[in-house]
Amino acid sequence: VWVEMDRQIGNYVRGKFWEVLIVGVATAAVFVV
């Protein structure tokens, strides 16, 4: 259960971190421009 949970939740949390960073920076850059 831990291996499957680590794979699923770990991928999700890491993916969300990059999504927040990329979407936030891209949106702010568009608004600034």
PDB file of all heavy atoms in Angstrom:
ATOM      1  N   VAL A   1       0.837  -1.199   0.000  1.00  0.00           N
ATOM      2  CA  VAL A   1       0.000   0.000   0.000  1.00  0.00           C
ATOM      3  C   VAL A   1       0.871   1.247   0.000  1.00  0.00           C
ATOM      4  O   VAL A   1       0.586   2.226  -0.705  1.00  0.00           O
ATOM      5  CB  VAL A   1      -0.958  -0.001   1.211  1.00  0.00           C
ATOM      6  CG1 VAL A   1      -1.667   1.335   1.343  1.00  0.00           C
ATOM      7  CG2 VAL A   1      -1.982  -1.127   1.069  1.00  0.00           C
ATOM      8  N   TRP A   2       1.958   1.216   0.776  1.00  0.00           N
ATOM      9  CA  TRP A   2       2.835   2.388   0.834  1.00  0.00           C
ATOM     10  C   TRP A   2       3.502   2.658  -0.504  1.00  0.00           C
ATOM     11  O   TRP A   2       3.610   3.813  -0.940  1.00  0.00           O
ATOM     12  CB  TRP A   2       3.900   2.208   1.906  1.00  0.00           C
ATOM     13  CG  TRP A   2       4.995   3.233   1.803  1.00  0.00           C
ATOM     14  CD1 TRP A   2       6.256   3.056   1.360  1.00  0.00           C
ATOM     15  CD2 TRP A   2       4.883   4.632   2.105  1.00  0.00           C
ATOM     16  NE1 TRP A   2       6.957   4.234   1.371  1.00  0.00           N
ATOM     17  CE2 TRP A   2       6.137   5.222   1.829  1.00  0.00           C
ATOM     18  CE3 TRP A   2       3.851   5.429   2.583  1.00  0.00           C
ATOM     19  CZ2 TRP A   2       6.376   6.568   2.015  1.00  0.00           C
ATOM     20  CZ3 TRP A   2       4.092   6.789   2.769  1.00  0.00           C
ATOM     21  CH2 TRP A   2       5.335   7.333   2.492  1.00  0.00           C
ATOM     22  N   VAL A   3       3.956   1.588  -1.186  1.00  0.00           N
ATOM     23  CA  VAL A   3       4.614   1.778  -2.484  1.00  0.00           C
ATOM     24  C   VAL A   3       3.651   2.407  -3.483  1.00  0.00           C
ATOM     25  O   VAL A   3       3.994   3.365  -4.201  1.00  0.00           O
ATOM     26  CB  VAL A   3       5.152   0.429  -3.013  1.00  0.00           C
ATOM     27  CG1 VAL A   3       5.594   0.565  -4.461  1.00  0.00           C
ATOM     28  CG2 VAL A   3       6.311  -0.040  -2.157  1.00  0.00           C
ATOM     29  N   GLU A   4       2.408   1.894  -3.534  1.00  0.00           N
ATOM     30  CA  GLU A   4       1.430   2.446  -4.465  1.00  0.00           C
ATOM     31  C   GLU A   4       1.041   3.869  -4.076  1.00  0.00           C
ATOM     32  O   GLU A   4       0.899   4.750  -4.928  1.00  0.00           O
ATOM     33  CB  GLU A   4       0.188   1.553  -4.502  1.00  0.00           C
ATOM     34  CG  GLU A   4      -0.888   2.017  -5.465  1.00  0.00           C
ATOM     35  CD  GLU A   4      -0.454   1.984  -6.912  1.00  0.00           C
ATOM     36  OE1 GLU A   4       0.551   1.303  -7.219  1.00  0.00           O
ATOM     37  OE2 GLU A   4      -1.095   2.646  -7.745  1.00  0.00           O
ATOM     38  N   MET A   5       0.869   4.106  -2.765  1.00  0.00           N
ATOM     39  CA  MET A   5       0.508   5.439  -2.298  1.00  0.00           C
ATOM     40  C   MET A   5       1.633   6.435  -2.582  1.00  0.00           C
ATOM     41  O   MET A   5       1.384   7.564  -3.007  1.00  0.00           O
ATOM     42  CB  MET A   5       0.212   5.405  -0.795  1.00  0.00           C
ATOM     43  CG  MET A   5      -0.236   6.732  -0.220  1.00  0.00           C
ATOM     44  SD  MET A   5      -0.459   6.659   1.566  1.00  0.00           S
ATOM     45  CE  MET A   5       1.231   6.469   2.114  1.00  0.00           C
ATOM     46  N   ASP A   6       2.885   5.996  -2.353  1.00  0.00           N
ATOM     47  CA  ASP A   6       4.026   6.876  -2.614  1.00  0.00           C
ATOM     48  C   ASP A   6       4.110   7.222  -4.094  1.00  0.00           C
ATOM     49  O   ASP A   6       4.380   8.369  -4.463  1.00  0.00           O
ATOM     50  CB  ASP A   6       5.310   6.184  -2.152  1.00  0.00           C
ATOM     51  CG  ASP A   6       6.545   7.022  -2.437  1.00  0.00           C
ATOM     52  OD1 ASP A   6       6.659   8.120  -1.886  1.00  0.00           O
ATOM     53  OD2 ASP A   6       7.385   6.589  -3.250  1.00  0.00           O
ATOM     54  N   ARG A   7       3.817   6.255  -4.958  1.00  0.00           N
ATOM     55  CA  ARG A   7       3.874   6.509  -6.397  1.00  0.00           C
ATOM     56  C   ARG A   7       2.788   7.482  -6.827  1.00  0.00           C
ATOM     57  O   ARG A   7       3.052   8.443  -7.552  1.00  0.00           O
ATOM     58  CB  ARG A   7       3.734   5.194  -7.172  1.00  0.00           C
ATOM     59  CG  ARG A   7       3.895   5.335  -8.674  1.00  0.00           C
ATOM     60  CD  ARG A   7       3.806   3.996  -9.354  1.00  0.00           C
ATOM     61  NE  ARG A   7       2.440   3.502  -9.360  1.00  0.00           N
ATOM     62  CZ  ARG A   7       1.540   3.801 -10.297  1.00  0.00           C
ATOM     63  NH1 ARG A   7       1.867   4.621 -11.278  1.00  0.00           N
ATOM     64  NH2 ARG A   7       0.326   3.301 -10.232  1.00  0.00           N
ATOM     65  N   GLN A   8       1.560   7.256  -6.352  1.00  0.00           N
ATOM     66  CA  GLN A   8       0.441   8.084  -6.784  1.00  0.00           C
ATOM     67  C   GLN A   8       0.500   9.479  -6.160  1.00  0.00           C
ATOM     68  O   GLN A   8       0.465  10.497  -6.862  1.00  0.00           O
ATOM     69  CB  GLN A   8      -0.891   7.410  -6.413  1.00  0.00           C
ATOM     70  CG  GLN A   8      -1.153   6.120  -7.149  1.00  0.00           C
ATOM     71  CD  GLN A   8      -1.419   6.355  -8.621  1.00  0.00           C
ATOM     72  OE1 GLN A   8      -1.761   7.457  -9.034  1.00  0.00           O
ATOM     73  NE2 GLN A   8      -1.258   5.325  -9.429  1.00  0.00           N
ATOM     74  N   ILE A   9       0.578   9.520  -4.832  1.00  0.00           N
ATOM     75  CA  ILE A   9       0.544  10.819  -4.141  1.00  0.00           C
ATOM     76  C   ILE A   9       1.826  11.593  -4.409  1.00  0.00           C
ATOM     77  O   ILE A   9       1.807  12.816  -4.574  1.00  0.00           O
ATOM     78  CB  ILE A   9       0.317  10.615  -2.641  1.00  0.00           C
ATOM     79  CG1 ILE A   9      -1.050   9.964  -2.415  1.00  0.00           C
ATOM     80  CG2 ILE A   9       0.410  11.941  -1.887  1.00  0.00           C
ATOM     81  CD1 ILE A   9      -1.392   9.742  -0.970  1.00  0.00           C
ATOM     82  N   GLY A  10       2.965  10.893  -4.456  1.00  0.00           N
ATOM     83  CA  GLY A  10       4.217  11.581  -4.743  1.00  0.00           C
ATOM     84  C   GLY A  10       4.195  12.231  -6.110  1.00  0.00           C
ATOM     85  O   GLY A  10       4.586  13.397  -6.276  1.00  0.00           O
ATOM     86  N   ASN A  11       3.719  11.488  -7.120  1.00  0.00           N
ATOM     87  CA  ASN A  11       3.619  12.064  -8.461  1.00  0.00           C
ATOM     88  C   ASN A  11       2.655  13.246  -8.475  1.00  0.00           C
ATOM     89  O   ASN A  11       2.894  14.253  -9.151  1.00  0.00           O
ATOM     90  CB  ASN A  11       3.146  11.002  -9.455  1.00  0.00           C
ATOM     91  CG  ASN A  11       4.224   9.974  -9.752  1.00  0.00           C
ATOM     92  OD1 ASN A  11       5.405  10.224  -9.532  1.00  0.00           O
ATOM     93  ND2 ASN A  11       3.825   8.806 -10.211  1.00  0.00           N
ATOM     94  N   TYR A  12       1.557  13.113  -7.738  1.00  0.00           N
ATOM     95  CA  TYR A  12       0.570  14.193  -7.734  1.00  0.00           C
ATOM     96  C   TYR A  12       1.144  15.458  -7.081  1.00  0.00           C
ATOM     97  O   TYR A  12       1.026  16.552  -7.629  1.00  0.00           O
ATOM     98  CB  TYR A  12      -0.690  13.762  -6.996  1.00  0.00           C
ATOM     99  CG  TYR A  12      -1.735  14.846  -6.941  1.00  0.00           C
ATOM    100  CD1 TYR A  12      -2.653  15.000  -7.980  1.00  0.00           C
ATOM    101  CD2 TYR A  12      -1.792  15.745  -5.885  1.00  0.00           C
ATOM    102  CE1 TYR A  12      -3.595  16.011  -7.951  1.00  0.00           C
ATOM    103  CE2 TYR A  12      -2.731  16.755  -5.852  1.00  0.00           C
ATOM    104  CZ  TYR A  12      -3.632  16.878  -6.891  1.00  0.00           C
ATOM    105  OH  TYR A  12      -4.556  17.889  -6.866  1.00  0.00           O
ATOM    106  N   VAL A  13       1.749  15.306  -5.908  1.00  0.00           N
ATOM    107  CA  VAL A  13       2.254  16.481  -5.182  1.00  0.00           C
ATOM    108  C   VAL A  13       3.360  17.163  -5.972  1.00  0.00           C
ATOM    109  O   VAL A  13       3.389  18.391  -6.106  1.00  0.00           O
ATOM    110  CB  VAL A  13       2.742  16.071  -3.773  1.00  0.00           C
ATOM    111  CG1 VAL A  13       3.421  17.245  -3.081  1.00  0.00           C
ATOM    112  CG2 VAL A  13       1.577  15.573  -2.937  1.00  0.00           C
ATOM    113  N   ARG A  14       4.274  16.363  -6.512  1.00  0.00           N
ATOM    114  CA  ARG A  14       5.358  16.960  -7.309  1.00  0.00           C
ATOM    115  C   ARG A  14       4.805  17.611  -8.578  1.00  0.00           C
ATOM    116  O   ARG A  14       5.242  18.694  -8.973  1.00  0.00           O
ATOM    117  CB  ARG A  14       6.400  15.886  -7.655  1.00  0.00           C
ATOM    118  CG  ARG A  14       7.266  15.471  -6.492  1.00  0.00           C
ATOM    119  CD  ARG A  14       8.351  14.511  -6.928  1.00  0.00           C
ATOM    120  NE  ARG A  14       7.797  13.198  -7.259  1.00  0.00           N
ATOM    121  CZ  ARG A  14       7.639  12.211  -6.382  1.00  0.00           C
ATOM    122  NH1 ARG A  14       7.985  12.411  -5.120  1.00  0.00           N
ATOM    123  NH2 ARG A  14       7.150  11.045  -6.744  1.00  0.00           N
ATOM    124  N   GLY A  15       3.839  16.947  -9.211  1.00  0.00           N
ATOM    125  CA  GLY A  15       3.238  17.532 -10.406  1.00  0.00           C
ATOM    126  C   GLY A  15       2.522  18.834 -10.113  1.00  0.00           C
ATOM    127  O   GLY A  15       2.624  19.809 -10.874  1.00  0.00           O
ATOM    128  N   LYS A  16       1.803  18.882  -8.984  1.00  0.00           N
ATOM    129  CA  LYS A  16       1.092  20.102  -8.615  1.00  0.00           C
ATOM    130  C   LYS A  16       2.053  21.245  -8.304  1.00  0.00           C
ATOM    131  O   LYS A  16       1.775  22.408  -8.604  1.00  0.00           O
ATOM    132  CB  LYS A  16       0.173  19.856  -7.412  1.00  0.00           C
ATOM    133  CG  LYS A  16      -1.169  19.288  -7.785  1.00  0.00           C
ATOM    134  CD  LYS A  16      -1.932  20.241  -8.696  1.00  0.00           C
ATOM    135  CE  LYS A  16      -3.216  19.640  -9.206  1.00  0.00           C
ATOM    136  NZ  LYS A  16      -3.917  20.510 -10.176  1.00  0.00           N
ATOM    137  N   PHE A  17       3.184  20.912  -7.686  1.00  0.00           N
ATOM    138  CA  PHE A  17       4.175  21.954  -7.402  1.00  0.00           C
ATOM    139  C   PHE A  17       4.622  22.620  -8.701  1.00  0.00           C
ATOM    140  O   PHE A  17       4.655  23.857  -8.810  1.00  0.00           O
ATOM    141  CB  PHE A  17       5.369  21.351  -6.666  1.00  0.00           C
ATOM    142  CG  PHE A  17       6.549  22.284  -6.576  1.00  0.00           C
ATOM    143  CD1 PHE A  17       6.571  23.300  -5.639  1.00  0.00           C
ATOM    144  CD2 PHE A  17       7.628  22.146  -7.444  1.00  0.00           C
ATOM    145  CE1 PHE A  17       7.659  24.174  -5.566  1.00  0.00           C
ATOM    146  CE2 PHE A  17       8.705  23.005  -7.366  1.00  0.00           C
ATOM    147  CZ  PHE A  17       8.723  24.018  -6.423  1.00  0.00           C
ATOM    148  N   TRP A  18       4.962  21.797  -9.710  1.00  0.00           N
ATOM    149  CA  TRP A  18       5.415  22.362 -10.975  1.00  0.00           C
ATOM    150  C   TRP A  18       4.278  23.056 -11.717  1.00  0.00           C
ATOM    151  O   TRP A  18       4.500  24.078 -12.380  1.00  0.00           O
ATOM    152  CB  TRP A  18       6.041  21.269 -11.845  1.00  0.00           C
ATOM    153  CG  TRP A  18       7.378  20.830 -11.362  1.00  0.00           C
ATOM    154  CD1 TRP A  18       7.715  19.633 -10.808  1.00  0.00           C
ATOM    155  CD2 TRP A  18       8.585  21.617 -11.348  1.00  0.00           C
ATOM    156  NE1 TRP A  18       9.052  19.616 -10.457  1.00  0.00           N
ATOM    157  CE2 TRP A  18       9.601  20.827 -10.788  1.00  0.00           C
ATOM    158  CE3 TRP A  18       8.900  22.917 -11.760  1.00  0.00           C
ATOM    159  CZ2 TRP A  18      10.904  21.280 -10.634  1.00  0.00           C
ATOM    160  CZ3 TRP A  18      10.195  23.373 -11.606  1.00  0.00           C
ATOM    161  CH2 TRP A  18      11.179  22.564 -11.046  1.00  0.00           C
ATOM    162  N   GLU A  19       3.074  22.526 -11.606  1.00  0.00           N
ATOM    163  CA  GLU A  19       1.946  23.180 -12.273  1.00  0.00           C
ATOM    164  C   GLU A  19       1.673  24.558 -11.672  1.00  0.00           C
ATOM    165  O   GLU A  19       1.442  25.529 -12.394  1.00  0.00           O
ATOM    166  CB  GLU A  19       0.693  22.305 -12.178  1.00  0.00           C
ATOM    167  CG  GLU A  19      -0.464  22.856 -13.016  1.00  0.00           C
ATOM    168  CD  GLU A  19      -1.735  22.064 -12.853  1.00  0.00           C
ATOM    169  OE1 GLU A  19      -1.777  21.183 -11.970  1.00  0.00           O
ATOM    170  OE2 GLU A  19      -2.700  22.334 -13.580  1.00  0.00           O
ATOM    171  N   VAL A  20       1.678  24.636 -10.333  1.00  0.00           N
ATOM    172  CA  VAL A  20       1.480  25.934  -9.680  1.00  0.00           C
ATOM    173  C   VAL A  20       2.552  26.918 -10.125  1.00  0.00           C
ATOM    174  O   VAL A  20       2.260  28.073 -10.457  1.00  0.00           O
ATOM    175  CB  VAL A  20       1.501  25.771  -8.147  1.00  0.00           C
ATOM    176  CG1 VAL A  20       1.594  27.133  -7.457  1.00  0.00           C
ATOM    177  CG2 VAL A  20       0.254  25.040  -7.670  1.00  0.00           C
ATOM    178  N   LEU A  21       3.802  26.475 -10.132  1.00  0.00           N
ATOM    179  CA  LEU A  21       4.913  27.363 -10.495  1.00  0.00           C
ATOM    180  C   LEU A  21       4.814  27.816 -11.948  1.00  0.00           C
ATOM    181  O   LEU A  21       4.914  29.017 -12.250  1.00  0.00           O
ATOM    182  CB  LEU A  21       6.239  26.645 -10.250  1.00  0.00           C
ATOM    183  CG  LEU A  21       7.515  27.469 -10.476  1.00  0.00           C
ATOM    184  CD1 LEU A  21       7.568  28.636  -9.504  1.00  0.00           C
ATOM    185  CD2 LEU A  21       8.746  26.591 -10.326  1.00  0.00           C
ATOM    186  N   ILE A  22       4.580  26.880 -12.859  1.00  0.00           N
ATOM    187  CA  ILE A  22       4.557  27.212 -14.293  1.00  0.00           C
ATOM    188  C   ILE A  22       3.354  28.093 -14.620  1.00  0.00           C
ATOM    189  O   ILE A  22       3.488  29.127 -15.303  1.00  0.00           O
ATOM    190  CB  ILE A  22       4.541  25.932 -15.136  1.00  0.00           C
ATOM    191  CG1 ILE A  22       5.865  25.175 -14.967  1.00  0.00           C
ATOM    192  CG2 ILE A  22       4.308  26.254 -16.612  1.00  0.00           C
ATOM    193  CD1 ILE A  22       5.861  23.788 -15.591  1.00  0.00           C
ATOM    194  N   VAL A  23       2.164  27.707 -14.150  1.00  0.00           N
ATOM    195  CA  VAL A  23       0.954  28.481 -14.454  1.00  0.00           C
ATOM    196  C   VAL A  23       1.031  29.856 -13.815  1.00  0.00           C
ATOM    197  O   VAL A  23       0.677  30.876 -14.436  1.00  0.00           O
ATOM    198  CB  VAL A  23      -0.300  27.723 -13.995  1.00  0.00           C
ATOM    199  CG1 VAL A  23      -1.542  28.599 -14.128  1.00  0.00           C
ATOM    200  CG2 VAL A  23      -0.477  26.448 -14.797  1.00  0.00           C
ATOM    201  N   GLY A  24       1.488  29.940 -12.567  1.00  0.00           N
ATOM    202  CA  GLY A  24       1.589  31.231 -11.896  1.00  0.00           C
ATOM    203  C   GLY A  24       2.555  32.176 -12.583  1.00  0.00           C
ATOM    204  O   GLY A  24       2.235  33.347 -12.824  1.00  0.00           O
ATOM    205  N   VAL A  25       3.751  31.672 -12.921  1.00  0.00           N
ATOM    206  CA  VAL A  25       4.760  32.513 -13.581  1.00  0.00           C
ATOM    207  C   VAL A  25       4.278  32.917 -14.971  1.00  0.00           C
ATOM    208  O   VAL A  25       4.421  34.092 -15.377  1.00  0.00           O
ATOM    209  CB  VAL A  25       6.102  31.775 -13.649  1.00  0.00           C
ATOM    210  CG1 VAL A  25       7.088  32.538 -14.521  1.00  0.00           C
ATOM    211  CG2 VAL A  25       6.681  31.588 -12.248  1.00  0.00           C
ATOM    212  N   ALA A  26       3.718  31.963 -15.732  1.00  0.00           N
ATOM    213  CA  ALA A  26       3.255  32.277 -17.087  1.00  0.00           C
ATOM    214  C   ALA A  26       2.129  33.305 -17.070  1.00  0.00           C
ATOM    215  O   ALA A  26       2.128  34.261 -17.863  1.00  0.00           O
ATOM    216  CB  ALA A  26       2.789  30.997 -17.785  1.00  0.00           C
ATOM    217  N   THR A  27       1.177  33.138 -16.150  1.00  0.00           N
ATOM    218  CA  THR A  27       0.064  34.089 -16.067  1.00  0.00           C
ATOM    219  C   THR A  27       0.545  35.469 -15.650  1.00  0.00           C
ATOM    220  O   THR A  27       0.140  36.484 -16.231  1.00  0.00           O
ATOM    221  CB  THR A  27      -0.999  33.582 -15.071  1.00  0.00           C
ATOM    222  OG1 THR A  27      -1.400  32.258 -15.442  1.00  0.00           O
ATOM    223  CG2 THR A  27      -2.213  34.492 -15.071  1.00  0.00           C
ATOM    224  N   ALA A  28       1.415  35.530 -14.638  1.00  0.00           N
ATOM    225  CA  ALA A  28       1.945  36.821 -14.201  1.00  0.00           C
ATOM    226  C   ALA A  28       2.722  37.496 -15.328  1.00  0.00           C
ATOM    227  O   ALA A  28       2.617  38.714 -15.526  1.00  0.00           O
ATOM    228  CB  ALA A  28       2.830  36.631 -12.969  1.00  0.00           C
ATOM    229  N   ALA A  29       3.502  36.720 -16.087  1.00  0.00           N
ATOM    230  CA  ALA A  29       4.265  37.296 -17.199  1.00  0.00           C
ATOM    231  C   ALA A  29       3.332  37.861 -18.274  1.00  0.00           C
ATOM    232  O   ALA A  29       3.566  38.963 -18.798  1.00  0.00           O
ATOM    233  CB  ALA A  29       5.175  36.222 -17.802  1.00  0.00           C
ATOM    234  N   VAL A  30       2.255  37.121 -18.591  1.00  0.00           N
ATOM    235  CA  VAL A  30       1.284  37.618 -19.571  1.00  0.00           C
ATOM    236  C   VAL A  30       0.638  38.909 -19.089  1.00  0.00           C
ATOM    237  O   VAL A  30       0.508  39.887 -19.844  1.00  0.00           O
ATOM    238  CB  VAL A  30       0.218  36.537 -19.849  1.00  0.00           C
ATOM    239  CG1 VAL A  30      -0.949  37.126 -20.644  1.00  0.00           C
ATOM    240  CG2 VAL A  30       0.825  35.379 -20.615  1.00  0.00           C
ATOM    241  N   PHE A  31       0.250  38.953 -17.822  1.00  0.00           N
ATOM    242  CA  PHE A  31      -0.396  40.152 -17.274  1.00  0.00           C
ATOM    243  C   PHE A  31       0.559  41.335 -17.242  1.00  0.00           C
ATOM    244  O   PHE A  31       0.162  42.477 -17.525  1.00  0.00           O
ATOM    245  CB  PHE A  31      -0.929  39.870 -15.865  1.00  0.00           C
ATOM    246  CG  PHE A  31      -2.119  38.942 -15.834  1.00  0.00           C
ATOM    247  CD1 PHE A  31      -2.549  38.403 -14.631  1.00  0.00           C
ATOM    248  CD2 PHE A  31      -2.798  38.616 -16.989  1.00  0.00           C
ATOM    249  CE1 PHE A  31      -3.653  37.558 -14.595  1.00  0.00           C
ATOM    250  CE2 PHE A  31      -3.900  37.772 -16.966  1.00  0.00           C
ATOM    251  CZ  PHE A  31      -4.331  37.236 -15.762  1.00  0.00           C
ATOM    252  N   VAL A  32       1.827  41.089 -16.905  1.00  0.00           N
ATOM    253  CA  VAL A  32       2.814  42.177 -16.870  1.00  0.00           C
ATOM    254  C   VAL A  32       3.049  42.724 -18.281  1.00  0.00           C
ATOM    255  O   VAL A  32       3.090  43.949 -18.495  1.00  0.00           O
ATOM    256  CB  VAL A  32       4.137  41.685 -16.248  1.00  0.00           C
ATOM    257  CG1 VAL A  32       5.245  42.711 -16.459  1.00  0.00           C
ATOM    258  CG2 VAL A  32       3.956  41.428 -14.754  1.00  0.00           C
ATOM    259  N   VAL A  33       3.213  41.826 -19.242  1.00  0.00           N
ATOM    260  CA  VAL A  33       3.452  42.259 -20.623  1.00  0.00           C
ATOM    261  C   VAL A  33       2.281  43.078 -21.154  1.00  0.00           C
ATOM    262  O   VAL A  33       2.473  44.087 -21.860  1.00  0.00           O
ATOM    263  CB  VAL A  33       3.716  41.035 -21.524  1.00  0.00           C
ATOM    264  CG1 VAL A  33       3.712  41.436 -22.996  1.00  0.00           C
ATOM    265  CG2 VAL A  33       5.046  40.392 -21.165  1.00  0.00           C
TER     266      VAL A  33
END
